[in-house]
Structures are given as C-alpha cells and as structure tokens.
N, C-alpha and C. Protein backbone atom coordinates (compact mmCIF):
# COMPACT_ATOMS: atom_id res chain seq x y z
N MET A 1 17.02 14.75 -3.90
CA MET A 1 16.18 13.72 -3.35
C MET A 1 14.82 13.72 -4.08
N ALA A 2 14.39 12.61 -4.48
CA ALA A 2 13.12 12.52 -5.22
C ALA A 2 11.99 12.66 -4.23
N GLY A 3 10.98 13.40 -4.75
CA GLY A 3 9.76 13.54 -3.96
C GLY A 3 8.71 12.53 -4.41
N TYR A 4 7.72 12.29 -3.51
CA TYR A 4 6.71 11.30 -3.88
C TYR A 4 5.38 12.04 -3.92
N GLU A 5 4.85 12.12 -5.07
CA GLU A 5 3.51 12.71 -5.23
C GLU A 5 2.60 11.66 -5.81
N PHE A 6 1.61 11.22 -5.04
CA PHE A 6 0.75 10.11 -5.46
C PHE A 6 -0.69 10.57 -5.56
N ALA A 7 -1.00 11.81 -5.39
CA ALA A 7 -2.37 12.25 -5.42
C ALA A 7 -3.08 11.92 -6.72
N GLU A 8 -2.34 12.04 -7.84
CA GLU A 8 -2.92 11.80 -9.16
C GLU A 8 -2.42 10.51 -9.78
N THR A 9 -1.73 9.63 -9.02
CA THR A 9 -1.29 8.41 -9.53
C THR A 9 -2.43 7.41 -9.64
N SER A 10 -2.49 6.72 -10.73
CA SER A 10 -3.63 5.73 -10.92
C SER A 10 -3.45 4.56 -9.96
N GLY A 11 -4.57 3.93 -9.69
CA GLY A 11 -4.53 2.74 -8.82
C GLY A 11 -3.78 1.62 -9.48
N ALA A 12 -3.76 1.51 -10.79
CA ALA A 12 -2.98 0.44 -11.45
C ALA A 12 -1.50 0.59 -11.19
N VAL A 13 -0.99 1.88 -11.21
CA VAL A 13 0.43 2.04 -10.94
C VAL A 13 0.78 1.66 -9.50
N LEU A 14 -0.06 1.99 -8.56
CA LEU A 14 0.22 1.68 -7.17
C LEU A 14 0.01 0.18 -6.95
N ALA A 15 -0.89 -0.52 -7.66
CA ALA A 15 -1.06 -1.90 -7.50
C ALA A 15 0.23 -2.63 -7.84
N ASP A 16 1.02 -2.11 -8.83
CA ASP A 16 2.23 -2.71 -9.22
C ASP A 16 3.44 -2.15 -8.47
N ALA A 17 3.17 -1.26 -7.50
CA ALA A 17 4.29 -0.59 -6.80
C ALA A 17 5.10 -1.52 -5.94
N ASN A 18 6.36 -1.22 -5.91
CA ASN A 18 7.31 -2.08 -5.09
C ASN A 18 7.13 -1.68 -3.60
N GLY A 19 7.83 -2.44 -2.78
CA GLY A 19 7.75 -2.20 -1.33
C GLY A 19 8.27 -0.78 -0.93
N GLU A 20 9.28 -0.27 -1.61
CA GLU A 20 9.89 1.07 -1.29
C GLU A 20 8.85 2.19 -1.57
N THR A 21 8.10 2.05 -2.64
CA THR A 21 7.11 3.10 -2.92
C THR A 21 6.05 3.07 -1.89
N LEU A 22 5.51 1.94 -1.52
CA LEU A 22 4.50 1.81 -0.48
C LEU A 22 5.06 2.28 0.88
N TYR A 23 6.29 1.96 1.16
CA TYR A 23 6.95 2.43 2.39
C TYR A 23 7.00 3.91 2.45
N GLN A 24 7.36 4.54 1.32
CA GLN A 24 7.38 6.04 1.26
C GLN A 24 6.00 6.69 1.50
N LEU A 25 4.97 6.02 1.02
CA LEU A 25 3.62 6.51 1.33
C LEU A 25 3.35 6.43 2.84
N GLY A 26 3.83 5.33 3.44
CA GLY A 26 3.67 5.22 4.92
C GLY A 26 4.41 6.33 5.71
N ILE A 27 5.63 6.59 5.20
CA ILE A 27 6.46 7.65 5.80
C ILE A 27 5.69 9.01 5.66
N MET A 28 5.21 9.27 4.45
CA MET A 28 4.50 10.53 4.22
C MET A 28 3.26 10.71 5.15
N HIS A 29 2.56 9.63 5.36
CA HIS A 29 1.38 9.70 6.23
C HIS A 29 1.77 9.80 7.71
N ALA A 30 2.81 9.08 8.07
CA ALA A 30 3.25 9.04 9.45
C ALA A 30 3.88 10.41 9.91
N SER A 31 4.63 10.97 9.01
CA SER A 31 5.33 12.16 9.38
C SER A 31 4.47 13.49 9.21
N GLY A 32 3.39 13.40 8.43
CA GLY A 32 2.55 14.52 8.21
C GLY A 32 3.20 15.54 7.30
N ARG A 33 4.07 15.11 6.37
CA ARG A 33 4.83 16.04 5.50
C ARG A 33 3.89 16.83 4.65
N SER A 34 2.87 16.24 4.09
CA SER A 34 2.06 16.91 3.09
C SER A 34 0.71 17.24 3.69
N ALA A 35 0.31 16.71 4.85
CA ALA A 35 -0.90 16.91 5.55
C ALA A 35 -0.72 16.56 6.99
N ALA A 36 -1.79 16.60 7.77
CA ALA A 36 -1.67 16.19 9.16
C ALA A 36 -1.36 14.70 9.25
N ALA A 37 -0.61 14.34 10.17
CA ALA A 37 -0.18 12.93 10.35
C ALA A 37 -1.42 12.07 10.46
N ASP A 38 -1.41 10.93 9.81
CA ASP A 38 -2.52 9.98 9.84
C ASP A 38 -1.95 8.64 10.06
N LEU A 39 -1.99 8.15 11.30
CA LEU A 39 -1.38 6.88 11.68
C LEU A 39 -2.11 5.72 11.08
N VAL A 40 -3.43 5.79 10.91
CA VAL A 40 -4.19 4.73 10.28
C VAL A 40 -3.76 4.46 8.86
N SER A 41 -3.68 5.58 8.10
CA SER A 41 -3.19 5.47 6.73
C SER A 41 -1.73 5.05 6.62
N ALA A 42 -0.90 5.54 7.57
CA ALA A 42 0.48 5.14 7.58
C ALA A 42 0.62 3.66 7.85
N HIS A 43 -0.15 3.20 8.78
CA HIS A 43 -0.15 1.71 9.15
C HIS A 43 -0.54 0.89 7.89
N LYS A 44 -1.60 1.38 7.20
CA LYS A 44 -2.03 0.67 5.99
C LYS A 44 -0.93 0.55 4.93
N TRP A 45 -0.25 1.69 4.66
CA TRP A 45 0.85 1.66 3.64
C TRP A 45 2.04 0.86 4.16
N PHE A 46 2.39 0.91 5.38
CA PHE A 46 3.49 0.12 5.94
C PHE A 46 3.14 -1.35 5.85
N ASN A 47 1.87 -1.68 6.12
CA ASN A 47 1.44 -3.06 6.04
C ASN A 47 1.57 -3.61 4.67
N LEU A 48 1.14 -2.81 3.67
CA LEU A 48 1.23 -3.21 2.31
C LEU A 48 2.69 -3.37 1.85
N ALA A 49 3.54 -2.43 2.26
CA ALA A 49 4.97 -2.56 1.95
C ALA A 49 5.63 -3.76 2.61
N ALA A 50 5.23 -4.02 3.82
CA ALA A 50 5.78 -5.22 4.55
C ALA A 50 5.36 -6.51 3.81
N MET A 51 4.18 -6.53 3.27
CA MET A 51 3.68 -7.67 2.49
C MET A 51 4.56 -7.88 1.22
N LYS A 52 5.17 -6.79 0.73
CA LYS A 52 6.07 -6.93 -0.41
C LYS A 52 7.51 -7.18 0.03
N GLY A 53 7.72 -7.43 1.29
CA GLY A 53 9.02 -7.79 1.79
C GLY A 53 9.85 -6.70 2.33
N HIS A 54 9.33 -5.50 2.50
CA HIS A 54 10.11 -4.40 2.98
C HIS A 54 10.27 -4.45 4.52
N ALA A 55 11.50 -4.81 4.99
CA ALA A 55 11.67 -5.01 6.43
C ALA A 55 11.50 -3.79 7.25
N GLU A 56 11.99 -2.68 6.75
CA GLU A 56 11.82 -1.38 7.54
C GLU A 56 10.44 -1.04 7.69
N ALA A 57 9.54 -1.39 6.71
CA ALA A 57 8.10 -1.03 6.77
C ALA A 57 7.53 -1.86 7.93
N ALA A 58 7.94 -3.07 8.01
CA ALA A 58 7.40 -3.93 9.13
C ALA A 58 7.76 -3.35 10.51
N ARG A 59 9.04 -2.85 10.60
CA ARG A 59 9.46 -2.19 11.86
C ARG A 59 8.66 -0.90 12.18
N MET A 60 8.45 -0.16 11.13
CA MET A 60 7.69 1.07 11.32
C MET A 60 6.19 0.81 11.70
N ARG A 61 5.69 -0.20 11.02
CA ARG A 61 4.29 -0.62 11.38
C ARG A 61 4.18 -0.97 12.79
N ARG A 62 5.14 -1.70 13.34
CA ARG A 62 5.06 -2.05 14.78
C ARG A 62 5.30 -0.78 15.66
N GLU A 63 6.16 0.11 15.20
CA GLU A 63 6.39 1.32 15.94
C GLU A 63 5.15 2.22 16.06
N ILE A 64 4.46 2.41 14.98
CA ILE A 64 3.28 3.27 15.09
C ILE A 64 2.08 2.59 15.68
N ALA A 65 2.09 1.20 15.55
CA ALA A 65 1.01 0.46 16.19
C ALA A 65 0.99 0.67 17.75
N ALA A 66 2.16 0.89 18.30
CA ALA A 66 2.27 1.15 19.74
C ALA A 66 1.63 2.46 20.15
N GLU A 67 1.44 3.36 19.20
CA GLU A 67 0.74 4.63 19.45
C GLU A 67 -0.74 4.59 19.10
N MET A 68 -1.20 3.48 18.57
CA MET A 68 -2.57 3.44 18.09
C MET A 68 -3.46 2.59 19.03
N THR A 69 -4.74 2.81 19.05
CA THR A 69 -5.70 1.96 19.72
C THR A 69 -5.90 0.68 18.89
N ASP A 70 -6.51 -0.27 19.53
CA ASP A 70 -6.85 -1.56 18.81
C ASP A 70 -7.86 -1.22 17.71
N ALA A 71 -8.80 -0.33 17.95
CA ALA A 71 -9.76 -0.01 16.90
C ALA A 71 -9.02 0.64 15.70
N GLU A 72 -8.10 1.54 15.92
CA GLU A 72 -7.36 2.17 14.83
C GLU A 72 -6.57 1.15 14.03
N ILE A 73 -5.96 0.22 14.73
CA ILE A 73 -5.18 -0.88 14.08
C ILE A 73 -6.15 -1.74 13.17
N GLY A 74 -7.28 -2.02 13.76
CA GLY A 74 -8.25 -2.79 12.97
C GLY A 74 -8.70 -2.02 11.77
N GLN A 75 -8.99 -0.75 11.93
CA GLN A 75 -9.35 0.06 10.77
C GLN A 75 -8.26 0.09 9.73
N ALA A 76 -7.02 0.21 10.12
CA ALA A 76 -5.87 0.19 9.17
C ALA A 76 -5.80 -1.12 8.41
N GLN A 77 -6.01 -2.24 9.19
CA GLN A 77 -5.87 -3.54 8.55
C GLN A 77 -7.00 -3.77 7.56
N ARG A 78 -8.20 -3.30 7.93
CA ARG A 78 -9.34 -3.37 6.93
C ARG A 78 -9.08 -2.52 5.73
N ALA A 79 -8.46 -1.36 5.91
CA ALA A 79 -8.16 -0.51 4.74
C ALA A 79 -7.15 -1.13 3.88
N ALA A 80 -6.17 -1.80 4.40
CA ALA A 80 -5.18 -2.54 3.57
C ALA A 80 -5.82 -3.65 2.77
N ARG A 81 -6.69 -4.43 3.48
CA ARG A 81 -7.40 -5.50 2.75
C ARG A 81 -8.27 -4.97 1.66
N ASP A 82 -9.01 -3.90 1.99
CA ASP A 82 -9.84 -3.27 0.98
C ASP A 82 -9.08 -2.78 -0.21
N TRP A 83 -7.94 -2.17 0.03
CA TRP A 83 -7.04 -1.67 -1.04
C TRP A 83 -6.59 -2.83 -1.90
N LEU A 84 -6.19 -3.90 -1.26
CA LEU A 84 -5.74 -5.05 -2.05
C LEU A 84 -6.88 -5.63 -2.91
N LYS A 85 -8.05 -5.71 -2.39
CA LYS A 85 -9.23 -6.25 -3.10
C LYS A 85 -9.55 -5.31 -4.29
N SER A 86 -9.56 -4.00 -3.99
CA SER A 86 -9.95 -3.07 -5.06
C SER A 86 -8.93 -2.97 -6.16
N HIS A 87 -7.69 -3.35 -5.94
CA HIS A 87 -6.61 -3.23 -6.89
C HIS A 87 -6.20 -4.61 -7.47
N ALA A 88 -6.87 -5.65 -7.11
CA ALA A 88 -6.48 -7.02 -7.52
C ALA A 88 -6.70 -7.14 -8.99
N GLU A 89 -7.80 -6.62 -9.58
CA GLU A 89 -7.99 -6.74 -11.05
C GLU A 89 -6.95 -5.90 -11.78
N GLU A 90 -6.61 -4.72 -11.24
CA GLU A 90 -5.64 -3.87 -11.94
C GLU A 90 -4.26 -4.45 -11.94
N ALA A 91 -3.89 -5.21 -10.87
CA ALA A 91 -2.60 -5.79 -10.71
C ALA A 91 -2.50 -7.14 -11.45
N ALA A 92 -3.60 -7.79 -11.68
CA ALA A 92 -3.59 -9.11 -12.26
C ALA A 92 -3.18 -8.99 -13.70
N PRO A 93 -2.28 -9.91 -14.19
CA PRO A 93 -1.92 -9.84 -15.55
C PRO A 93 -3.09 -10.20 -16.49
N VAL A 94 -3.18 -9.63 -17.60
CA VAL A 94 -4.15 -9.93 -18.57
C VAL A 94 -3.90 -11.20 -19.25
N ALA A 95 -4.79 -12.11 -19.28
CA ALA A 95 -4.58 -13.44 -19.90
C ALA A 95 -4.50 -13.20 -21.43
N ALA A 96 -3.61 -13.99 -22.03
CA ALA A 96 -3.46 -13.93 -23.52
C ALA A 96 -4.71 -14.68 -24.15
N PRO A 97 -5.19 -14.20 -25.23
CA PRO A 97 -6.33 -14.84 -25.84
C PRO A 97 -5.94 -16.28 -26.31
N GLN A 98 -6.88 -17.17 -26.10
CA GLN A 98 -6.65 -18.59 -26.53
C GLN A 98 -7.18 -18.81 -27.92
N PHE A 99 -6.39 -19.35 -28.73
CA PHE A 99 -6.78 -19.71 -30.10
C PHE A 99 -6.88 -21.15 -30.31
N ARG A 100 -7.89 -21.58 -31.07
CA ARG A 100 -7.98 -22.98 -31.45
C ARG A 100 -7.41 -23.21 -32.82
N ALA A 101 -6.77 -24.31 -32.92
CA ALA A 101 -6.19 -24.69 -34.18
C ALA A 101 -7.28 -25.06 -35.12
N ALA A 102 -7.16 -24.73 -36.40
CA ALA A 102 -8.19 -24.98 -37.40
C ALA A 102 -8.05 -26.49 -37.69
N ALA A 103 -9.24 -27.18 -37.80
CA ALA A 103 -9.26 -28.59 -38.03
C ALA A 103 -9.06 -28.90 -39.46
C-alpha cells in the first residue's frame, strides 16, 4: 500500500493534485495517523477533494462536519479558500508567448 508523505511536497504539485490525493490528505488528518487528529484540516482537504469531484470526500466532509462546531467549519472553509487563492498562480497554465508577424 502506498503511503502519502506531503510534508515536503511543493504547493505546485498539490495545486495540480487529483481528488484522490486531496482525499488521502483528509483521511490522514481525520484519522490522526501521522499526528493528532485535526478535523479542521481534514474538512479543508475533503472540501478541496470534493471540489475535484471525489464523492467519498463529500461524504466524509459531511460526516466530520457533524462533529465540528460552526466556528470550526467556518475556519475550515476559509482555509480551503485561502489554499485555493494561494495556489491559483501555481496551478494556472503559463501562457505561451505571443509573437507578431514581421511586416
């Protein structure tokens, strides 16, 4: 079974991550496998994975939201938005240079 180590993964790699990778980050934070369980972080990663179409992530997000306060859910949602904003430039394709035809 493959392990998921993202401590040294660049933001650009995660910005291009598929829903399964983001889902596994949510599982890692929800279960407390590598550190104490962090439901706010888990909700953030599940939210991002769900945005990429991962149905199980959407289910897990609902499940852990039932254990969180409204303030914690709000914090997780802000963290997901902030993550998207901070990685938007890294995930955006680089535009090809435009050349003018010689007259």
